Protein backbone atom coordinates (compact mmCIF):
# COMPACT_ATOMS: atom_id res chain seq x y z
CA MET A 1 0.00 0.00 0.00
CA ASN A 2 1.46 3.36 -0.98
CA GLY A 3 1.00 6.70 0.77
CA ASN A 4 -1.79 7.79 -1.58
CA ASP A 5 -3.76 4.54 -1.36
CA ARG A 6 -4.83 4.65 2.29
CA GLY A 7 -6.40 1.22 1.81
CA HIS A 8 -9.73 2.66 0.69
CA PRO A 9 -11.22 1.35 -2.57
CA ASP A 10 -12.08 4.88 -3.79
CA HIS A 11 -8.40 5.90 -3.87
CA ARG A 12 -6.51 5.26 -7.10
CA GLY A 13 -4.44 2.13 -6.66
CA GLY A 14 -6.96 0.51 -4.32
CA ARG A 15 -9.45 -0.28 -7.07
CA PRO A 16 -8.37 -2.64 -9.85
CA ASN A 17 -10.50 -0.99 -12.56
CA ALA A 18 -9.54 2.60 -11.72
CA GLN A 19 -8.52 4.89 -14.57
CA ARG A 20 -4.76 4.92 -14.96
CA GLN A 21 -2.63 7.97 -15.73
CA GLY A 22 -2.18 8.80 -19.37
CA GLY A 23 -5.77 7.86 -20.28
CA GLU A 24 -5.14 4.10 -20.21
CA ARG A 25 -8.19 2.22 -18.96
CA SER A 26 -8.52 -1.35 -17.83
CA THR A 27 -12.30 -1.33 -18.46
CA PRO A 28 -14.34 -0.32 -21.53
CA GLN A 29 -15.19 3.35 -22.05
CA LYS A 30 -18.24 4.46 -20.05
CA GLU A 31 -21.14 6.31 -21.65
CA LYS A 32 -20.72 10.05 -22.16
CA ILE A 33 -23.29 12.23 -20.42
CA ASP A 34 -25.01 14.82 -22.64
CA THR A 35 -24.60 18.17 -20.92
CA SER A 36 -25.06 20.34 -24.02
CA TRP A 37 -28.46 21.56 -22.80
CA VAL A 38 -27.38 22.70 -19.33
CA ARG A 39 -25.83 26.04 -20.21
CA LYS A 40 -28.93 27.03 -22.25
CA VAL A 41 -31.21 26.19 -19.34
CA ILE A 42 -29.18 28.18 -16.81
CA GLU A 43 -28.39 31.15 -19.06
CA GLU A 44 -31.70 31.57 -20.89
CA ASP A 45 -34.30 30.83 -18.23
CA ASP A 46 -35.76 27.91 -20.25
CA TYR A 47 -37.89 26.16 -17.63
CA ALA A 48 -39.72 23.86 -20.05
CA LYS A 49 -36.37 22.46 -21.18
CA LEU A 50 -35.12 22.32 -17.58
CA VAL A 51 -38.02 20.09 -16.53
CA ASP A 52 -37.85 17.88 -19.64
CA GLU A 53 -34.09 17.36 -19.42
CA ALA A 54 -34.18 16.66 -15.67
CA GLU A 55 -36.74 13.92 -16.36
CA LYS A 56 -34.63 12.44 -19.19
CA LEU A 57 -31.51 12.56 -17.03
CA THR A 58 -33.10 10.55 -14.24
CA ARG A 59 -34.90 8.05 -16.48
CA ASP A 60 -32.06 5.50 -16.65
CA LEU A 61 -30.35 5.99 -13.31
CA GLU A 62 -29.41 2.83 -11.46
CA GLY A 63 -29.89 2.07 -7.78
CA ASP A 64 -31.25 3.95 -4.80
CA LEU A 65 -29.97 7.51 -5.00
CA MET A 66 -32.38 9.31 -2.67
CA THR A 67 -29.92 9.92 0.16
CA GLN A 68 -27.14 11.24 -2.09
CA VAL A 69 -29.45 13.34 -4.25
CA ARG A 70 -31.24 14.78 -1.21
CA SER A 71 -27.87 15.78 0.23
CA ILE A 72 -26.87 17.53 -3.00
CA PHE A 73 -30.26 19.23 -3.28
CA THR A 74 -30.01 20.50 0.31
CA ALA A 75 -26.55 21.96 -0.35
CA VAL A 76 -27.75 23.66 -3.54
CA LYS A 77 -30.95 24.99 -1.96
CA GLN A 78 -29.04 26.55 0.96
CA ILE A 79 -27.27 28.83 -1.50
CA GLY A 80 -30.54 30.64 -2.07
CA TYR A 81 -30.59 31.70 1.59
CA LEU A 82 -27.12 33.23 1.52
CA GLU A 83 -26.30 36.89 1.24
CA LYS A 84 -25.33 37.93 -2.27
CA SER A 85 -21.71 38.37 -1.20
CA GLU A 86 -21.48 34.71 -0.13
CA ARG A 87 -23.29 33.13 -3.09
CA GLU A 88 -20.42 33.01 -5.57
CA ARG A 89 -18.14 31.29 -3.06
CA ALA A 90 -20.84 28.81 -2.12
CA ILE A 91 -21.63 28.06 -5.76
CA LEU A 92 -17.97 27.44 -6.57
CA MET A 93 -17.62 25.17 -3.53
CA LEU A 94 -20.38 22.97 -4.95
CA ARG A 95 -18.01 21.53 -7.57
CA PRO A 96 -15.74 19.78 -5.06
CA ARG A 97 -18.76 18.72 -3.00
CA LEU A 98 -20.33 17.15 -6.09
CA ARG A 99 -17.11 15.33 -7.01
CA TYR A 100 -16.78 14.09 -3.42
CA ALA A 101 -20.34 12.74 -3.47
CA GLU A 102 -19.60 11.02 -6.76
CA SER A 103 -16.42 9.44 -5.38
CA ARG A 104 -18.43 7.90 -2.54
CA ALA A 105 -21.21 6.53 -4.78
CA LYS A 106 -21.52 2.94 -5.95
CA PRO A 107 -20.02 1.92 -9.31
CA ALA A 108 -22.45 1.66 -12.22
CA LYS A 109 -22.58 -0.32 -15.44
CA ARG A 110 -23.05 2.59 -17.84
CA TRP A 111 -21.16 5.32 -15.98
CA THR A 112 -18.35 5.58 -13.48
CA THR A 113 -20.81 5.70 -10.55
CA VAL A 114 -24.57 5.83 -10.10
CA LEU A 115 -24.30 9.59 -9.45
CA THR A 116 -22.13 10.43 -12.47
CA PRO A 117 -24.94 11.73 -14.73
CA ILE A 118 -26.25 14.09 -12.05
CA VAL A 119 -22.77 15.26 -11.06
CA GLU A 120 -21.74 15.94 -14.67
CA VAL A 121 -24.87 18.01 -15.31
CA MET A 122 -24.59 19.90 -12.03
CA VAL A 123 -20.89 20.71 -12.52
CA VAL A 124 -21.76 22.42 -15.82
CA ALA A 125 -24.71 24.18 -14.16
CA VAL A 126 -22.55 25.33 -11.24
CA THR A 127 -19.87 26.67 -13.59
CA CYS A 128 -22.49 28.60 -15.57
CA ALA A 129 -24.25 29.92 -12.46
CA ALA A 130 -20.95 31.10 -10.97
CA GLU A 131 -20.47 33.45 -13.93
CA LYS A 132 -23.52 35.51 -12.88
CA PRO A 133 -24.59 34.25 -9.44
CA GLU A 134 -27.21 36.91 -8.73
CA GLU A 135 -29.01 36.20 -12.00
CA ARG A 136 -28.58 32.40 -12.19
CA THR A 137 -28.69 31.03 -8.64
CA GLN A 138 -32.43 30.38 -8.68
CA ARG A 139 -32.17 28.43 -11.96
CA LEU A 140 -29.39 26.30 -10.46
CA ILE A 141 -31.59 25.55 -7.45
CA ASP A 142 -34.57 24.81 -9.68
CA LEU A 143 -32.56 22.41 -11.85
CA MET A 144 -31.42 20.46 -8.81
CA GLU A 145 -34.95 20.47 -7.41
CA ALA A 146 -36.32 19.06 -10.69
CA ILE A 147 -33.64 16.33 -10.64
CA PHE A 148 -34.42 15.54 -7.01
CA CYS A 149 -38.17 15.32 -7.69
CA HIS A 150 -37.69 12.99 -10.65
CA VAL A 151 -35.36 10.74 -8.63
CA ALA A 152 -37.98 10.64 -5.86
CA ILE A 153 -40.69 9.73 -8.36
CA ARG A 154 -38.56 6.92 -9.82
CA GLN A 155 -37.75 5.62 -6.35
CA SER A 156 -41.41 5.64 -5.36
CA GLN A 157 -42.41 3.81 -8.55
CA LYS A 158 -39.68 1.23 -8.00
CA SER A 159 -40.79 0.64 -4.39
CA SER A 160 -44.42 0.25 -5.51
CA GLN A 161 -43.41 -2.30 -8.15
CA GLU A 162 -41.35 -4.26 -5.63
CA ARG A 163 -44.26 -4.35 -3.15
CA ALA A 164 -46.67 -5.44 -5.90
CA SER A 165 -44.40 -8.30 -6.99
CA SER A 166 -43.96 -9.59 -3.42
C-alpha cells in the first residue's frame, strides 16, 4: 500500500478498474453524459427544457440515489438563503462537493458511478451559475430540485413495483 492509497477502494491504486494515468483504462469506455443543454437552461431561463431534461436525465439511473441526491439538493438549496456576497463562493464550492459525493457513490454499469450523470450536469450548471450568481442562482436551485423530484418519483415507482411483486 502506498501513501496515496490509504487502503480505501475509492483511492486510485486501491481499485483494480480505476482509470490509470495517461488515459489508459482497464475497463471499456463508459457512456458520455449529454450536458449540451445545461448552459442554455441556466443562461436563458428555459424552464420547459429544464423540466424535460431533468426527467430524461433521471430516467435511466441505477440504484437507490435518494440519500445522495437529497444531500446535493439541500446543499444547492441553501445557496438561495445566503447573502449575495457569499453566493459566488458557495456556488464554486459545490463543484468539489459534487465530485466528493460522486467518489463515494456505488459503481455503475453505464457510468463511473450511479451519481455520475447528475454530477456531470450539475458541474456544468454550477460553472455557468458562478459566472452571474445573482441572476442564475435560482435556476441552479430549480434544476437540482427538478432532478431531485424525478429521482424521488422513480424511487417511489420502483418501491411500488417491488411491493406489488412480493
